[in-house]
N, C-alpha and C. Protein backbone atom coordinates (compact mmCIF):
# COMPACT_ATOMS: atom_id res chain seq x y z
N UNK A 1 0.91 -1.25 -0.01
CA UNK A 1 0.02 0.04 -0.01
C UNK A 1 1.04 1.22 0.09
N UNK A 2 0.59 2.33 -0.71
CA UNK A 2 1.33 3.40 -1.03
C UNK A 2 1.34 4.39 0.30
N UNK A 3 2.24 4.71 0.70
CA UNK A 3 2.50 5.35 2.10
C UNK A 3 1.40 6.58 2.41
N UNK A 4 1.26 7.18 1.10
CA UNK A 4 0.06 8.28 1.27
C UNK A 4 -1.10 7.62 1.64
N UNK A 5 -1.51 6.64 1.11
CA UNK A 5 -3.05 5.85 1.21
C UNK A 5 -2.70 5.51 2.74
N UNK A 6 -1.82 4.69 3.05
CA UNK A 6 -1.61 4.30 4.42
C UNK A 6 -1.90 5.30 5.71
N UNK A 7 -0.92 6.47 5.20
CA UNK A 7 -1.17 7.88 6.33
C UNK A 7 -2.61 8.12 6.45
N UNK A 8 -3.40 8.04 5.14
CA UNK A 8 -4.90 8.64 5.25
C UNK A 8 -5.62 7.79 6.26
N UNK A 9 -5.54 6.34 5.57
CA UNK A 9 -5.95 5.58 6.48
C UNK A 9 -5.81 5.50 8.05
N UNK A 10 -4.73 5.63 8.58
CA UNK A 10 -4.48 5.83 9.88
C UNK A 10 -4.69 7.27 10.40
N UNK A 11 -4.82 8.30 10.08
CA UNK A 11 -5.27 9.76 10.08
C UNK A 11 -6.58 9.46 10.37
N UNK A 12 -7.58 8.99 9.33
CA UNK A 12 -9.07 8.98 9.32
C UNK A 12 -9.55 7.92 10.25
N UNK A 13 -8.67 7.04 10.76
CA UNK A 13 -9.43 6.26 11.82
C UNK A 13 -9.33 6.72 12.94
N UNK A 14 -8.03 7.70 13.10
CA UNK A 14 -8.04 8.31 14.30
C UNK A 14 -9.02 9.57 14.64
N UNK A 15 -8.98 10.17 13.67
CA UNK A 15 -10.11 11.22 13.60
C UNK A 15 -11.60 10.82 13.81
N UNK A 16 -12.03 9.55 13.06
CA UNK A 16 -13.18 9.11 13.24
C UNK A 16 -13.93 8.93 14.88
N UNK A 17 -12.67 8.37 15.33
CA UNK A 17 -12.99 8.40 17.02
C UNK A 17 -12.43 9.61 17.95
N UNK A 18 -12.42 10.68 17.21
CA UNK A 18 -12.07 12.05 17.87
C UNK A 18 -10.65 11.97 18.62
N UNK A 19 -9.59 11.47 18.10
CA UNK A 19 -8.36 11.68 18.39
C UNK A 19 -7.70 13.12 18.61
N UNK A 20 -6.98 13.43 19.61
CA UNK A 20 -6.53 14.95 19.60
C UNK A 20 -5.21 15.09 19.19
N UNK A 21 -4.71 16.34 18.74
CA UNK A 21 -3.41 16.79 18.53
C UNK A 21 -2.77 15.68 17.82
N UNK A 22 -3.27 15.01 16.68
CA UNK A 22 -2.71 14.35 15.64
C UNK A 22 -1.55 15.16 14.86
N UNK A 23 -0.43 14.40 14.81
CA UNK A 23 0.82 15.06 14.32
C UNK A 23 1.47 13.76 13.76
N UNK A 24 2.26 14.15 12.43
CA UNK A 24 3.04 13.10 11.89
C UNK A 24 4.39 13.62 11.77
N UNK A 25 5.40 12.57 11.60
CA UNK A 25 6.80 13.00 11.61
C UNK A 25 7.71 11.83 10.55
N UNK A 26 8.43 12.64 9.91
CA UNK A 26 8.71 11.77 8.88
C UNK A 26 10.18 11.57 9.51
N UNK A 27 10.22 10.31 9.71
CA UNK A 27 11.79 9.63 10.20
C UNK A 27 12.46 8.94 9.25
N UNK A 28 12.14 9.20 7.69
CA UNK A 28 12.88 7.92 6.86
C UNK A 28 14.26 8.23 6.73
N UNK A 29 14.80 9.27 7.08
CA UNK A 29 16.16 9.79 7.16
C UNK A 29 16.79 9.27 8.60
N UNK A 30 16.07 9.00 9.44
CA UNK A 30 16.71 9.02 10.70
C UNK A 30 16.85 7.45 11.21
N UNK A 31 15.67 6.68 10.58
CA UNK A 31 15.76 5.44 10.94
C UNK A 31 15.17 4.45 9.86
N UNK A 32 15.80 3.19 9.61
CA UNK A 32 15.21 2.25 8.81
C UNK A 32 13.88 1.51 9.26
N UNK A 33 13.55 1.71 10.31
CA UNK A 33 12.37 1.00 10.92
C UNK A 33 11.32 1.37 10.47
N UNK A 34 11.11 2.48 10.15
CA UNK A 34 9.91 2.85 9.84
C UNK A 34 9.80 4.48 8.91
N UNK A 35 9.09 4.76 7.98
CA UNK A 35 9.24 6.03 7.54
C UNK A 35 8.40 7.18 7.84
N UNK A 36 7.48 7.10 8.63
CA UNK A 36 6.31 8.07 9.05
C UNK A 36 5.95 7.53 10.39
N UNK A 37 6.02 8.24 11.55
CA UNK A 37 5.32 8.22 12.78
C UNK A 37 4.24 8.89 12.93
N UNK A 38 2.86 8.49 13.22
CA UNK A 38 1.75 9.17 13.49
C UNK A 38 1.58 9.49 14.96
N UNK A 39 1.39 10.58 15.65
CA UNK A 39 1.38 10.42 17.27
C UNK A 39 -0.28 11.36 17.42
N UNK A 40 -0.85 10.75 18.15
CA UNK A 40 -2.14 11.12 18.59
C UNK A 40 -2.48 11.09 20.14
N UNK A 41 -3.32 11.78 20.78
CA UNK A 41 -3.52 11.72 22.00
C UNK A 41 -5.03 11.39 22.18
N UNK A 42 -5.21 10.64 23.25
CA UNK A 42 -6.56 10.13 23.67
C UNK A 42 -6.83 10.61 24.86
N UNK A 43 -8.29 10.87 25.50
CA UNK A 43 -8.80 11.33 26.32
C UNK A 43 -8.56 10.37 27.78
N UNK A 44 -8.55 9.26 27.63
CA UNK A 44 -8.66 8.07 29.08
C UNK A 44 -7.91 6.91 28.16
N UNK A 45 -7.55 5.96 29.12
CA UNK A 45 -6.99 4.59 28.72
C UNK A 45 -8.00 3.95 27.94
N UNK A 46 -9.05 4.03 28.22
CA UNK A 46 -10.30 3.18 27.21
C UNK A 46 -10.42 4.05 25.73
N UNK A 47 -10.23 5.36 25.65
CA UNK A 47 -10.01 6.12 24.55
C UNK A 47 -8.95 5.73 23.65
N UNK A 48 -7.93 5.66 24.43
CA UNK A 48 -6.49 5.23 23.58
C UNK A 48 -6.69 3.89 23.23
N UNK A 49 -7.32 2.99 23.90
CA UNK A 49 -7.39 1.53 23.30
C UNK A 49 -8.21 1.55 22.18
N UNK A 50 -9.48 2.22 22.05
CA UNK A 50 -10.60 2.26 21.26
C UNK A 50 -9.77 2.83 19.91
N UNK A 51 -8.92 3.91 20.00
CA UNK A 51 -8.25 4.46 19.00
C UNK A 51 -7.44 3.52 17.98
N UNK A 52 -6.77 2.85 19.34
CA UNK A 52 -5.51 1.86 18.46
C UNK A 52 -6.51 0.75 17.86
N UNK A 53 -7.53 0.08 18.44
CA UNK A 53 -8.23 -0.76 17.74
C UNK A 53 -9.16 -0.28 16.60
N UNK A 54 -9.59 0.74 16.41
CA UNK A 54 -9.98 1.43 15.01
C UNK A 54 -9.10 1.39 13.92
N UNK A 55 -7.64 1.96 14.48
CA UNK A 55 -6.63 1.84 13.66
C UNK A 55 -6.49 0.54 12.96
N UNK A 56 -6.31 -0.31 13.53
CA UNK A 56 -6.23 -2.05 13.42
C UNK A 56 -7.28 -2.38 12.40
N UNK A 57 -8.42 -2.21 12.77
CA UNK A 57 -9.44 -2.65 12.05
C UNK A 57 -9.62 -1.85 10.67
N UNK A 58 -9.24 -0.69 10.48
CA UNK A 58 -9.39 -0.02 9.22
C UNK A 58 -8.21 -0.57 8.35
N UNK A 59 -6.97 -0.65 8.97
CA UNK A 59 -5.96 -1.53 8.22
C UNK A 59 -6.46 -2.73 7.67
N UNK A 60 -6.93 -3.64 8.52
CA UNK A 60 -7.26 -5.15 8.10
C UNK A 60 -8.35 -5.05 7.10
N UNK A 61 -9.49 -4.07 7.28
CA UNK A 61 -10.53 -3.76 6.04
C UNK A 61 -9.96 -3.48 4.78
N UNK A 62 -8.67 -2.80 4.72
CA UNK A 62 -7.85 -2.58 3.68
C UNK A 62 -7.07 -3.54 3.32
N UNK A 63 -7.02 -4.73 3.74
CA UNK A 63 -6.25 -5.69 3.44
C UNK A 63 -4.91 -5.95 3.96
N UNK A 64 -4.25 -4.98 4.77
CA UNK A 64 -3.01 -4.94 5.42
C UNK A 64 -3.12 -5.51 7.01
N UNK A 65 -2.33 -6.25 7.27
CA UNK A 65 -2.31 -6.95 8.59
C UNK A 65 -1.16 -6.21 9.30
N UNK A 66 -1.29 -5.72 10.49
CA UNK A 66 -0.86 -4.74 11.15
C UNK A 66 0.59 -5.75 11.57
N UNK A 67 1.70 -5.20 11.75
CA UNK A 67 2.90 -6.01 12.31
C UNK A 67 2.85 -6.23 13.34
N UNK A 68 2.19 -5.58 14.36
CA UNK A 68 2.13 -5.63 15.84
C UNK A 68 1.30 -4.54 16.57
N UNK A 69 0.92 -4.70 17.71
CA UNK A 69 0.52 -3.82 18.39
C UNK A 69 1.05 -3.85 20.13
N UNK A 70 1.62 -2.80 20.38
CA UNK A 70 2.13 -3.09 21.97
C UNK A 70 1.27 -1.97 22.61
N UNK A 71 0.96 -2.65 24.04
CA UNK A 71 0.34 -1.90 24.67
C UNK A 71 -0.96 -2.50 25.17
N UNK A 72 -2.00 -2.30 25.90
CA UNK A 72 -2.97 -2.94 26.37
C UNK A 72 -4.34 -2.04 26.51
N UNK A 73 -5.25 -2.60 27.02
CA UNK A 73 -6.66 -2.12 27.23
C UNK A 73 -6.47 -1.07 28.43
N UNK A 74 -5.55 -0.98 29.32
CA UNK A 74 -5.53 -0.06 30.28
C UNK A 74 -4.05 0.61 30.08
N UNK A 75 -3.65 0.71 29.05
CA UNK A 75 -2.12 1.34 28.66
C UNK A 75 -2.47 2.79 28.63
N UNK A 76 -1.39 3.65 28.84
CA UNK A 76 -1.23 5.15 28.57
C UNK A 76 -0.85 5.27 27.14
N UNK A 77 -0.24 4.21 26.62
CA UNK A 77 0.58 4.33 25.16
C UNK A 77 0.35 2.91 24.58
N UNK A 78 -0.30 3.11 23.56
CA UNK A 78 -0.56 2.17 22.64
C UNK A 78 0.00 2.27 20.97
N UNK A 79 0.90 1.43 20.77
CA UNK A 79 1.91 1.50 19.59
C UNK A 79 1.18 0.49 18.26
N UNK A 80 0.80 0.87 17.22
CA UNK A 80 0.28 0.16 16.25
C UNK A 80 1.50 0.01 15.17
N UNK A 81 2.12 -0.84 14.87
CA UNK A 81 3.04 -0.94 13.67
C UNK A 81 2.50 -1.45 12.45
N UNK A 82 2.46 -0.60 11.60
CA UNK A 82 1.67 -0.70 9.99
C UNK A 82 3.06 -1.00 9.33
N UNK A 83 3.92 -1.15 9.69
CA UNK A 83 5.07 -1.00 8.49
C UNK A 83 5.90 0.16 8.17
N UNK A 84 5.52 0.61 7.22
CA UNK A 84 5.90 2.11 6.64
C UNK A 84 5.51 3.19 7.79
N UNK A 85 4.35 2.97 8.46
CA UNK A 85 4.07 3.96 9.36
C UNK A 85 3.71 3.50 10.79
N UNK A 86 4.47 3.96 11.83
CA UNK A 86 4.09 3.37 13.14
C UNK A 86 3.20 4.34 13.89
N UNK A 87 1.99 4.30 14.63
CA UNK A 87 0.97 5.04 15.04
C UNK A 87 1.36 5.04 16.53
N UNK A 88 1.51 6.03 17.38
CA UNK A 88 1.58 6.09 18.46
C UNK A 88 0.42 6.95 19.43
N UNK A 89 -0.47 6.08 20.09
CA UNK A 89 -1.34 6.88 20.84
C UNK A 89 -1.39 6.85 22.37
N UNK A 90 -1.35 8.27 22.75
CA UNK A 90 -1.06 8.11 24.15
C UNK A 90 -1.73 9.05 24.61
N UNK A 91 -1.79 9.03 26.31
CA UNK A 91 -2.36 9.86 27.24
C UNK A 91 -1.78 11.26 27.06
N UNK A 92 -2.20 12.50 27.23
CA UNK A 92 -1.43 13.60 27.45
C UNK A 92 -0.32 13.69 28.34
N UNK A 93 -0.50 13.06 29.53
CA UNK A 93 0.86 12.89 30.51
C UNK A 93 1.64 12.16 29.91
N UNK A 94 1.60 10.95 29.12
CA UNK A 94 2.67 10.12 28.61
C UNK A 94 3.26 10.71 27.49
N UNK A 95 2.24 11.47 26.81
CA UNK A 95 2.94 12.25 25.47
C UNK A 95 3.87 13.19 25.91
N UNK A 96 3.63 13.76 27.00
CA UNK A 96 4.54 14.94 27.68
C UNK A 96 5.50 14.37 28.20
N UNK A 97 5.73 13.38 28.74
CA UNK A 97 6.86 12.86 29.35
C UNK A 97 7.80 12.32 28.51
N UNK A 98 7.16 11.47 27.44
CA UNK A 98 7.95 10.86 26.44
C UNK A 98 8.50 11.94 25.48
N UNK A 99 7.69 12.99 25.08
CA UNK A 99 7.81 14.17 24.18
C UNK A 99 8.53 13.65 22.53
N UNK A 100 7.94 12.54 22.24
CA UNK A 100 8.51 12.01 21.15
C UNK A 100 8.90 12.99 19.83
N UNK A 101 8.10 14.00 19.59
CA UNK A 101 8.00 14.87 18.58
C UNK A 101 9.62 15.54 18.76
N UNK A 102 9.89 15.96 20.07
CA UNK A 102 11.25 16.72 20.04
C UNK A 102 12.04 15.72 20.26
N UNK A 103 12.04 14.56 20.51
CA UNK A 103 12.95 13.54 20.80
C UNK A 103 13.66 13.04 19.24
N UNK A 104 12.72 13.03 18.21
CA UNK A 104 13.01 12.74 16.88
C UNK A 104 13.17 13.80 16.21
N UNK A 105 12.97 15.04 16.54
CA UNK A 105 13.52 16.31 15.83
C UNK A 105 14.82 16.44 16.04
N UNK A 106 15.11 16.36 17.37
CA UNK A 106 16.69 16.69 17.93
C UNK A 106 17.91 15.66 17.51
N UNK A 107 17.42 14.35 16.77
CA UNK A 107 18.33 13.38 16.12
C UNK A 107 19.00 14.14 14.98
N UNK A 108 20.28 13.54 14.50
CA UNK A 108 20.85 14.27 13.87
C UNK A 108 20.24 13.55 12.35
N UNK A 109 20.44 14.47 11.41
CA UNK A 109 19.62 14.02 10.21
C UNK A 109 20.34 12.82 9.16
N UNK A 110 21.41 12.32 9.41
CA UNK A 110 22.08 11.30 8.45
C UNK A 110 22.53 10.17 9.25
N UNK A 111 22.78 9.23 8.79
CA UNK A 111 23.36 7.97 9.61
C UNK A 111 24.46 7.81 10.06
N UNK A 112 25.59 8.53 9.61
CA UNK A 112 26.77 8.52 10.26
C UNK A 112 27.10 9.38 11.17
N UNK A 113 25.94 10.49 11.46
CA UNK A 113 26.05 11.29 12.71
C UNK A 113 25.38 10.48 13.74
N UNK A 114 24.23 9.81 13.43
CA UNK A 114 23.62 8.96 14.49
C UNK A 114 24.38 8.03 14.79
N UNK A 115 25.21 7.22 14.14
CA UNK A 115 26.12 6.28 14.46
C UNK A 115 27.34 6.88 15.39
N UNK A 116 27.95 8.09 14.93
CA UNK A 116 28.30 8.54 15.95
C UNK A 116 27.99 9.09 17.37
N UNK A 117 26.57 9.58 17.44
CA UNK A 117 26.07 9.73 18.37
C UNK A 117 25.87 8.69 19.53
N UNK A 118 25.66 7.49 18.88
CA UNK A 118 25.37 6.06 19.76
C UNK A 118 26.76 5.57 20.38
N UNK A 119 27.84 5.85 19.65
CA UNK A 119 29.06 5.60 19.75
C UNK A 119 29.48 6.24 21.05
N UNK A 120 29.44 7.46 21.07
CA UNK A 120 29.69 8.38 22.07
C UNK A 120 28.96 7.98 23.35
N UNK A 121 27.82 7.74 23.17
CA UNK A 121 26.70 7.26 24.26
C UNK A 121 27.29 5.94 24.87
N UNK A 122 27.46 5.13 24.00
CA UNK A 122 27.77 3.70 24.54
C UNK A 122 29.11 3.90 25.25
N UNK A 123 29.94 5.11 24.86
CA UNK A 123 31.25 5.16 25.52
C UNK A 123 31.36 5.59 26.92
N UNK A 124 29.91 7.00 26.95
CA UNK A 124 29.87 7.06 28.28
C UNK A 124 29.18 6.14 29.31
N UNK A 125 28.30 5.26 28.78
CA UNK A 125 27.78 4.20 29.40
C UNK A 125 28.97 3.37 30.31
N UNK A 126 29.52 2.81 29.24
CA UNK A 126 30.62 2.07 29.58
C UNK A 126 31.70 2.33 30.63
N UNK A 127 31.66 3.75 30.59
CA UNK A 127 32.95 4.63 31.48
C UNK A 127 31.98 4.88 32.77
N UNK A 128 30.67 4.43 33.03
CA UNK A 128 30.05 4.77 34.31
C UNK A 128 30.51 3.71 35.24
């Protein structure tokens, strides 16, 4: 499935159940794991779960089997892995705590710089 179609499917599924503060991050140059992250907030653990379930159901209806779902019915953060897109649905407190938007924005833009940053981090950890 084309990434734009997949993105629309995920965002439409979130909007259908009134997700809040939906944002998307292009992480294709930062990681090989996925190309796009969609982040949204729910108002309660029940709402977060329902939003994730709706994304999964819409994906399956379109013929796409999600690679995985992490988090549960009472979770403050549920991740739905659709391959080229990873959807994070979080309670506002968890979203503020983990601040994925800032985390991914602060990463270097090329693989060499990422490798160097990881190497320096590993050196600091082993020195401790």
